[in-house]
Amino acid sequence: MPASPEGRLDRAPAGQGRARALRWAPVLAVLAWAAPAAADDAEPIRVVFRAHAGCPDEAAFTGQIMARTQRARLAAPGEVARTFSVIITPAGGARSRGKLVIDDPKGPSASRSVSGTCDEVVSALGLVAALAIDPHASTAPKLPPAPPSAPPPSAPPRPREPLPPPPRYDALPWWGPISEPLPVIPDPAPPPRWRLAWGFHAGGASAVAPGLARTLGGFVEVALDGGGVLSPAFRLGMLQADSGAVVVAPGEAARLALAAARVEGCPVRLAPVSWLSFHPCIFFEGGALQASGTARVSSVPSTTRPWAEPGVSARVAGEVVGRAFLEVEGGVGFPLVRDTFYFAPATTAHAVPVAGGFFSGGIGTHFP
């Protein structure tokens, strides 16, 4: 204010004061609007944290979020907020497995799992939570706090341990890629387990009759699933073979029928692809071989002889749909009882050979 000649301070004219107030009014209005807007930009969040001994605590996880973005704050009691729940469990050795579940009161929930050392898991889940709050959050690794200061000069200096390498994370956030591609660590394979199966086979065999005898049978199986190459399988089956009427001479026909049980063991399983497998096997077959025939217009009495046959086989099986599978099998057997069946006086109907082959195809299902 200008001084009057008498040394008093005169008041500015009323019109001039109002003009100055009007010039500053827009600026004051913008500042008054911007201040609460900046305060309201941070999203309220709530953290629930549980980890095994030796892991960083809840404060370390919350610090990972706050260090990457300024758009988050802890929610006040009773305030509506997204909840970030973390559970970290041991995964064998020095590794841990962590799971983050984000519960949104205004939308669907989401979850993400990672594995690594405990520090890596906390850092990775902190990054995932920060990006869920702020897509522009910092993705730079947040290293643990520096070690305490060196001891007094009187004490010998302690060597400083090297900082751990930057953590690697096992999955990308579900809302899109971040600045650096991250490797994917597959979930651990389930432990091997035994499973049951049953099915039916049909095919042909050469040692039972002069020609190719038709075969029909069924089986039950117990097999180790998920054990890699050393995944044995064991089968118990029933088999019937019938040659039908085989003409061996004018007016003379023979018929041979086999009823046997088969025990089969397959020590290894080769699987070039997940749905296809190859099994080399050994087997033993035991039962009875019955021969009957007709000579001109009369019947020939039937005879029954024991049947015993070890052998080797190979089987290829493929999963089709659900628990069903198809398979084909072939092999060679070596009969231990080698009888000769003939019509008197000297017409040979069938002589059991030293070795005979067989093949079959089948369908089955396994459970569970």
Protein backbone atom coordinates (compact mmCIF):
# COMPACT_ATOMS: atom_id res chain seq x y z
CA MET A 1 0.00 0.00 0.00
CA PRO A 2 1.32 3.52 -0.74
CA ALA A 3 2.09 5.77 2.26
CA SER A 4 0.08 8.96 2.71
CA PRO A 5 1.79 12.26 3.34
CA GLU A 6 0.72 12.10 6.98
CA GLY A 7 2.57 8.73 7.38
CA ARG A 8 -0.59 6.58 7.42
CA LEU A 9 -1.28 3.50 5.23
CA ASP A 10 -4.17 4.12 2.91
CA ARG A 11 -6.45 1.21 1.79
CA ALA A 12 -6.46 0.33 -1.91
CA PRO A 13 -9.59 1.21 -3.74
CA ALA A 14 -12.31 -1.42 -3.47
CA GLY A 15 -12.49 -1.93 -7.24
CA GLN A 16 -8.76 -2.70 -7.53
CA GLY A 17 -8.91 -5.45 -4.78
CA ARG A 18 -11.81 -7.17 -6.44
CA ALA A 19 -9.94 -7.21 -9.76
CA ARG A 20 -6.91 -8.93 -8.24
CA ALA A 21 -9.11 -11.57 -6.56
CA LEU A 22 -10.83 -12.36 -9.86
CA ARG A 23 -7.45 -12.82 -11.62
CA TRP A 24 -6.28 -15.46 -9.05
CA ALA A 25 -9.60 -17.28 -8.73
CA PRO A 26 -9.07 -19.77 -11.69
CA VAL A 27 -5.61 -20.76 -10.41
CA LEU A 28 -6.91 -21.36 -6.89
CA ALA A 29 -9.80 -23.44 -8.25
CA VAL A 30 -7.44 -25.73 -10.27
CA LEU A 31 -5.17 -26.25 -7.25
CA ALA A 32 -8.14 -27.03 -5.02
CA TRP A 33 -9.37 -29.67 -7.53
CA ALA A 34 -5.97 -31.24 -8.22
CA ALA A 35 -5.03 -31.86 -4.59
CA PRO A 36 -7.87 -34.31 -3.72
CA ALA A 37 -7.61 -35.90 -7.18
CA ALA A 38 -3.96 -36.83 -6.58
CA ALA A 39 -4.80 -38.26 -3.18
CA ASP A 40 -7.66 -40.35 -4.60
CA ASP A 41 -5.46 -41.83 -7.41
CA ALA A 42 -3.98 -44.51 -5.08
CA GLU A 43 -6.02 -47.71 -4.92
CA PRO A 44 -6.76 -49.08 -1.43
CA ILE A 45 -5.55 -52.67 -1.05
CA ARG A 46 -5.58 -55.25 1.73
CA VAL A 47 -2.78 -57.84 2.15
CA VAL A 48 -3.11 -61.32 3.73
CA PHE A 49 0.27 -63.06 3.94
CA ARG A 50 1.26 -66.54 5.16
CA ALA A 51 4.69 -68.16 4.60
CA HIS A 52 6.82 -70.90 6.12
CA ALA A 53 9.80 -70.24 8.38
CA GLY A 54 12.79 -68.63 6.71
CA CYS A 55 10.75 -66.60 4.18
CA PRO A 56 10.41 -62.80 4.05
CA ASP A 57 7.43 -61.46 5.97
CA GLU A 58 4.31 -59.52 5.02
CA ALA A 59 6.16 -56.21 5.25
CA ALA A 60 8.65 -57.40 2.61
CA PHE A 61 5.83 -58.40 0.24
CA THR A 62 3.99 -55.10 0.78
CA GLY A 63 7.28 -53.25 0.25
CA GLN A 64 7.70 -54.99 -3.14
CA ILE A 65 4.33 -53.54 -4.22
CA MET A 66 4.90 -50.03 -2.88
CA ALA A 67 8.42 -49.85 -4.38
CA ARG A 68 7.07 -50.53 -7.87
CA THR A 69 4.04 -48.22 -7.98
CA GLN A 70 2.66 -45.14 -6.24
CA ARG A 71 -0.89 -46.07 -7.15
CA ALA A 72 -1.44 -48.33 -4.11
CA ARG A 73 -2.04 -47.74 -0.42
CA LEU A 74 -3.15 -49.91 2.47
CA ALA A 75 -6.90 -49.80 3.00
CA ALA A 76 -8.41 -48.37 6.14
CA PRO A 77 -10.51 -50.67 8.40
CA GLY A 78 -13.91 -51.25 6.81
CA GLU A 79 -12.87 -49.68 3.48
CA VAL A 80 -13.86 -51.58 0.32
CA ALA A 81 -10.65 -52.82 -1.29
CA ARG A 82 -9.14 -55.65 -3.32
CA THR A 83 -7.52 -58.33 -1.14
CA PHE A 84 -4.14 -59.81 -2.14
CA SER A 85 -3.73 -63.18 -0.36
CA VAL A 86 -0.31 -64.91 -0.47
CA ILE A 87 0.47 -68.48 0.63
CA ILE A 88 4.06 -69.79 0.39
CA THR A 89 4.82 -73.48 1.09
CA PRO A 90 8.03 -75.57 0.88
CA ALA A 91 8.61 -77.36 -2.45
CA GLY A 92 11.63 -79.50 -1.56
CA GLY A 93 15.21 -78.51 -0.90
CA ALA A 94 15.75 -74.77 -1.02
CA ARG A 95 12.75 -74.18 -3.30
CA SER A 96 9.35 -72.82 -2.35
CA ARG A 97 6.04 -72.51 -4.13
CA GLY A 98 3.86 -69.44 -3.78
CA LYS A 99 0.29 -68.66 -4.79
CA LEU A 100 -1.29 -65.22 -5.07
CA VAL A 101 -5.10 -64.90 -5.05
CA ILE A 102 -6.64 -61.52 -5.86
CA ASP A 103 -10.22 -61.16 -4.55
CA ASP A 104 -12.01 -58.20 -6.17
CA PRO A 105 -15.30 -57.20 -4.52
CA LYS A 106 -16.35 -55.61 -7.84
CA GLY A 107 -15.36 -58.39 -10.24
CA PRO A 108 -13.98 -61.90 -10.69
CA SER A 109 -11.05 -63.24 -8.70
CA ALA A 110 -7.68 -64.19 -10.22
CA SER A 111 -4.70 -66.28 -9.12
CA ARG A 112 -1.10 -66.91 -10.08
CA SER A 113 1.47 -69.50 -8.88
CA VAL A 114 5.27 -69.25 -9.00
CA SER A 115 8.18 -71.33 -7.72
CA GLY A 116 11.80 -70.65 -6.83
CA THR A 117 13.69 -69.65 -3.73
CA CYS A 118 11.63 -67.92 -1.04
CA ASP A 119 13.08 -64.48 -1.89
CA GLU A 120 12.39 -65.05 -5.59
CA VAL A 121 8.78 -66.10 -4.88
CA VAL A 122 8.07 -63.00 -2.75
CA SER A 123 9.66 -60.73 -5.38
CA ALA A 124 7.77 -62.38 -8.24
CA LEU A 125 4.39 -62.23 -6.50
CA GLY A 126 5.08 -58.61 -5.52
CA LEU A 127 5.66 -57.82 -9.20
CA VAL A 128 2.44 -59.62 -10.21
CA ALA A 129 0.44 -57.71 -7.57
CA ALA A 130 1.98 -54.35 -8.58
CA LEU A 131 1.16 -54.92 -12.26
CA ALA A 132 -2.40 -55.92 -11.33
CA ILE A 133 -2.77 -52.51 -9.64
CA ASP A 134 -0.77 -50.45 -12.12
CA PRO A 135 0.01 -51.77 -15.66
CA HIS A 136 2.86 -49.22 -15.77
CA ALA A 137 4.48 -50.42 -12.54
CA SER A 138 8.24 -50.88 -12.50
CA THR A 139 9.39 -54.37 -13.54
CA ALA A 140 13.01 -53.85 -12.48
CA PRO A 141 14.10 -56.45 -9.87
CA LYS A 142 13.90 -55.11 -6.31
CA LEU A 143 16.94 -56.42 -4.46
CA PRO A 144 16.89 -57.13 -0.69
CA PRO A 145 18.08 -54.33 1.61
CA ALA A 146 21.82 -53.78 1.89
CA PRO A 147 23.62 -55.61 4.72
CA PRO A 148 24.31 -53.71 7.95
CA SER A 149 27.25 -51.31 8.10
CA ALA A 150 30.76 -52.61 8.69
CA PRO A 151 31.85 -53.30 12.30
CA PRO A 152 34.07 -50.79 14.15
CA PRO A 153 37.66 -50.47 12.92
CA SER A 154 38.93 -52.47 15.90
CA ALA A 155 37.20 -55.60 14.61
CA PRO A 156 38.56 -57.36 11.51
CA PRO A 157 36.48 -56.53 8.41
CA ARG A 158 34.03 -59.17 7.33
CA PRO A 159 33.95 -60.12 3.66
CA ARG A 160 30.88 -58.81 1.92
CA GLU A 161 28.71 -61.50 0.43
CA PRO A 162 27.83 -61.05 -3.24
CA LEU A 163 24.30 -59.96 -4.02
CA PRO A 164 22.01 -62.73 -5.28
CA PRO A 165 21.25 -62.74 -9.00
CA PRO A 166 18.08 -60.98 -10.13
CA PRO A 167 15.07 -63.23 -9.54
CA ARG A 168 13.45 -65.05 -12.43
CA TYR A 169 9.74 -65.58 -12.52
CA ASP A 170 7.89 -68.61 -13.84
CA ALA A 171 4.93 -67.02 -15.62
CA LEU A 172 3.77 -63.88 -17.40
CA PRO A 173 0.96 -61.81 -15.84
CA TRP A 174 -2.41 -62.81 -17.19
CA TRP A 175 -3.15 -59.36 -18.63
CA GLY A 176 -0.30 -59.36 -21.16
CA PRO A 177 3.49 -59.41 -21.62
CA ILE A 178 5.89 -57.26 -19.65
CA SER A 179 9.13 -55.72 -20.82
CA GLU A 180 11.28 -58.88 -20.44
CA PRO A 181 10.27 -62.44 -21.52
CA LEU A 182 10.19 -64.74 -18.50
CA PRO A 183 10.83 -68.51 -18.57
CA VAL A 184 7.98 -70.89 -17.78
CA ILE A 185 8.68 -73.55 -15.17
CA PRO A 186 6.34 -76.55 -15.70
CA ASP A 187 4.39 -77.96 -12.80
CA PRO A 188 6.01 -81.04 -11.25
CA ALA A 189 4.85 -84.33 -12.75
CA PRO A 190 2.42 -86.37 -10.62
CA PRO A 191 3.93 -89.37 -8.82
CA PRO A 192 3.66 -92.79 -10.54
CA ARG A 193 0.59 -94.84 -9.67
CA TRP A 194 -0.79 -98.29 -10.42
CA ARG A 195 -3.93 -98.53 -12.54
CA LEU A 196 -6.25 -101.35 -13.64
CA ALA A 197 -7.48 -102.15 -17.15
CA TRP A 198 -9.56 -104.78 -18.91
CA GLY A 199 -10.43 -105.56 -22.53
CA PHE A 200 -11.03 -108.09 -25.32
CA HIS A 201 -8.87 -109.50 -28.13
CA ALA A 202 -9.56 -111.31 -31.40
CA GLY A 203 -7.05 -112.69 -33.91
CA GLY A 204 -5.43 -115.86 -35.18
CA ALA A 205 -2.80 -118.47 -34.17
CA SER A 206 -0.82 -120.93 -36.28
CA ALA A 207 0.48 -123.62 -33.90
CA VAL A 208 -2.93 -124.88 -32.75
CA ALA A 209 -4.19 -126.25 -36.08
CA PRO A 210 -2.98 -127.05 -39.63
CA GLY A 211 -4.16 -123.66 -40.82
CA LEU A 212 -4.85 -120.42 -38.96
CA ALA A 213 -7.10 -120.95 -35.95
CA ARG A 214 -9.41 -118.11 -34.94
CA THR A 215 -8.75 -116.77 -31.43
CA LEU A 216 -10.93 -114.84 -29.00
CA GLY A 217 -10.14 -113.81 -25.43
CA GLY A 218 -10.23 -111.26 -22.65
CA PHE A 219 -7.79 -109.90 -20.09
CA VAL A 220 -7.34 -107.88 -16.92
CA GLU A 221 -4.21 -105.81 -16.39
CA VAL A 222 -2.40 -103.94 -13.64
CA ALA A 223 0.21 -101.43 -14.85
CA LEU A 224 2.40 -98.67 -13.43
CA ASP A 225 1.47 -95.30 -14.97
CA GLY A 226 3.89 -92.35 -14.97
CA GLY A 227 7.07 -94.25 -14.11
CA GLY A 228 8.90 -93.51 -17.36
CA VAL A 229 10.54 -96.36 -19.25
CA LEU A 230 10.52 -98.65 -16.21
CA SER A 231 6.72 -98.89 -16.04
CA PRO A 232 5.87 -102.62 -15.87
CA ALA A 233 2.50 -104.13 -16.75
CA PHE A 234 1.10 -107.57 -15.86
CA ARG A 235 -1.84 -109.34 -17.49
CA LEU A 236 -3.98 -112.39 -16.84
CA GLY A 237 -6.08 -113.51 -19.78
CA MET A 238 -8.31 -116.30 -21.07
CA LEU A 239 -7.98 -117.55 -24.66
CA GLN A 240 -10.05 -119.77 -26.94
CA ALA A 241 -8.90 -120.93 -30.38
CA ASP A 242 -10.91 -122.93 -32.91
CA SER A 243 -9.76 -124.23 -36.28
CA GLY A 244 -13.21 -125.11 -37.57
CA ALA A 245 -13.52 -128.15 -39.84
CA VAL A 246 -10.23 -128.75 -41.68
CA VAL A 247 -10.33 -131.29 -44.56
CA VAL A 248 -7.19 -133.43 -44.39
CA ALA A 249 -8.19 -136.17 -46.88
CA PRO A 250 -11.22 -137.09 -48.98
CA GLY A 251 -14.01 -137.85 -46.54
CA GLU A 252 -11.88 -136.97 -43.49
CA ALA A 253 -12.02 -133.67 -41.60
CA ALA A 254 -10.46 -132.64 -38.31
CA ARG A 255 -11.29 -129.92 -35.80
CA LEU A 256 -8.94 -128.63 -33.09
CA ALA A 257 -9.95 -126.30 -30.25
CA LEU A 258 -7.82 -124.76 -27.52
CA ALA A 259 -8.90 -123.38 -24.14
CA ALA A 260 -6.04 -121.79 -22.19
CA ALA A 261 -5.07 -119.16 -19.65
CA ARG A 262 -2.21 -116.74 -20.33
CA VAL A 263 0.03 -114.90 -17.87
CA GLU A 264 1.97 -112.00 -19.41
CA GLY A 265 4.60 -109.61 -18.09
CA CYS A 266 5.88 -106.47 -19.83
CA PRO A 267 8.85 -104.97 -17.90
CA VAL A 268 9.25 -101.69 -19.81
CA ARG A 269 7.08 -99.13 -21.57
CA LEU A 270 8.31 -96.98 -24.47
CA ALA A 271 6.19 -93.89 -25.21
CA PRO A 272 7.39 -91.75 -28.18
CA VAL A 273 4.28 -89.57 -27.72
CA SER A 274 1.95 -89.21 -24.75
CA TRP A 275 -0.93 -91.18 -26.31
CA LEU A 276 1.07 -94.05 -27.89
CA SER A 277 3.06 -96.78 -26.11
CA PHE A 278 5.09 -99.88 -27.03
CA HIS A 279 5.46 -102.90 -24.72
CA PRO A 280 7.85 -105.86 -25.23
CA CYS A 281 6.54 -108.83 -23.22
CA ILE A 282 7.05 -112.46 -22.26
CA PHE A 283 4.19 -114.89 -21.61
CA PHE A 284 3.26 -118.42 -20.59
CA GLU A 285 0.13 -120.14 -21.81
CA GLY A 286 -1.38 -123.30 -20.32
CA GLY A 287 -4.56 -125.22 -21.02
CA ALA A 288 -5.99 -128.10 -23.03
CA LEU A 289 -6.07 -128.86 -26.78
CA GLN A 290 -9.02 -130.95 -27.96
CA ALA A 291 -9.02 -132.77 -31.32
CA SER A 292 -12.08 -134.32 -32.99
CA GLY A 293 -12.91 -135.37 -36.50
CA THR A 294 -15.15 -137.19 -38.97
CA ALA A 295 -14.09 -140.03 -41.28
CA ARG A 296 -16.37 -140.59 -44.25
CA VAL A 297 -19.75 -141.17 -42.62
CA SER A 298 -18.65 -142.04 -39.09
CA SER A 299 -17.55 -139.88 -36.20
CA VAL A 300 -14.08 -140.11 -34.71
CA PRO A 301 -13.76 -140.08 -30.90
CA SER A 302 -12.31 -136.82 -29.63
CA THR A 303 -9.13 -136.63 -27.60
CA THR A 304 -7.82 -133.96 -25.22
CA ARG A 305 -4.15 -133.23 -24.62
CA PRO A 306 -2.36 -130.75 -22.32
CA TRP A 307 -1.10 -127.48 -23.79
CA ALA A 308 1.86 -125.50 -22.48
CA GLU A 309 3.54 -122.71 -24.42
CA PRO A 310 6.03 -120.01 -23.38
CA GLY A 311 6.85 -117.18 -25.78
CA VAL A 312 7.61 -113.56 -26.48
CA SER A 313 5.32 -110.83 -27.81
CA ALA A 314 5.13 -107.12 -28.55
CA ARG A 315 2.16 -104.82 -28.12
CA VAL A 316 1.40 -101.30 -29.39
CA ALA A 317 -1.40 -99.40 -27.62
CA GLY A 318 -2.92 -96.00 -28.34
CA GLU A 319 -5.35 -93.87 -26.33
CA VAL A 320 -8.47 -92.99 -28.33
CA VAL A 321 -11.06 -91.14 -26.24
CA GLY A 322 -11.55 -90.83 -22.51
CA ARG A 323 -10.16 -93.95 -20.85
CA ALA A 324 -10.56 -96.21 -23.89
CA PHE A 325 -7.59 -97.56 -25.86
CA LEU A 326 -6.94 -99.71 -28.94
CA GLU A 327 -4.03 -102.12 -29.31
CA VAL A 328 -2.46 -104.67 -31.64
CA GLU A 329 -0.26 -107.54 -30.54
CA GLY A 330 1.88 -110.20 -32.17
CA GLY A 331 4.35 -112.80 -31.02
CA VAL A 332 5.93 -116.24 -31.25
CA GLY A 333 5.23 -119.22 -28.98
CA PHE A 334 7.15 -122.47 -28.42
CA PRO A 335 4.82 -125.40 -27.55
CA LEU A 336 6.27 -127.74 -24.94
CA VAL A 337 3.85 -130.62 -25.74
CA ARG A 338 4.23 -131.47 -29.42
CA ASP A 339 1.56 -134.07 -30.23
CA THR A 340 0.64 -135.47 -33.63
CA PHE A 341 -3.04 -136.06 -34.39
CA TYR A 342 -3.89 -138.53 -37.21
CA PHE A 343 -6.58 -140.73 -38.70
CA ALA A 344 -5.71 -144.43 -38.61
CA PRO A 345 -3.89 -145.91 -40.22
CA ALA A 346 -1.58 -143.12 -41.48
CA THR A 347 -3.44 -139.88 -42.32
CA THR A 348 -1.90 -137.03 -40.28
CA ALA A 349 -4.42 -134.36 -39.31
CA HIS A 350 -2.03 -132.03 -37.43
CA ALA A 351 1.45 -132.11 -35.90
CA VAL A 352 2.15 -129.39 -33.32
CA PRO A 353 5.22 -127.48 -34.63
CA VAL A 354 8.30 -126.35 -32.74
CA ALA A 355 7.15 -122.72 -32.89
CA GLY A 356 4.05 -120.89 -33.99
CA GLY A 357 3.04 -117.29 -34.43
CA PHE A 358 -0.03 -115.35 -33.45
CA PHE A 359 -1.52 -111.88 -33.86
CA SER A 360 -4.54 -110.09 -32.43
CA GLY A 361 -6.21 -106.72 -32.06
CA GLY A 362 -8.23 -105.49 -29.13
CA ILE A 363 -10.02 -102.72 -27.29
CA GLY A 364 -10.00 -101.93 -23.62
CA THR A 365 -10.45 -99.32 -20.93
CA HIS A 366 -8.44 -98.41 -17.87
CA PHE A 367 -9.45 -96.90 -14.55
CA PRO A 368 -8.98 -94.59 -12.92
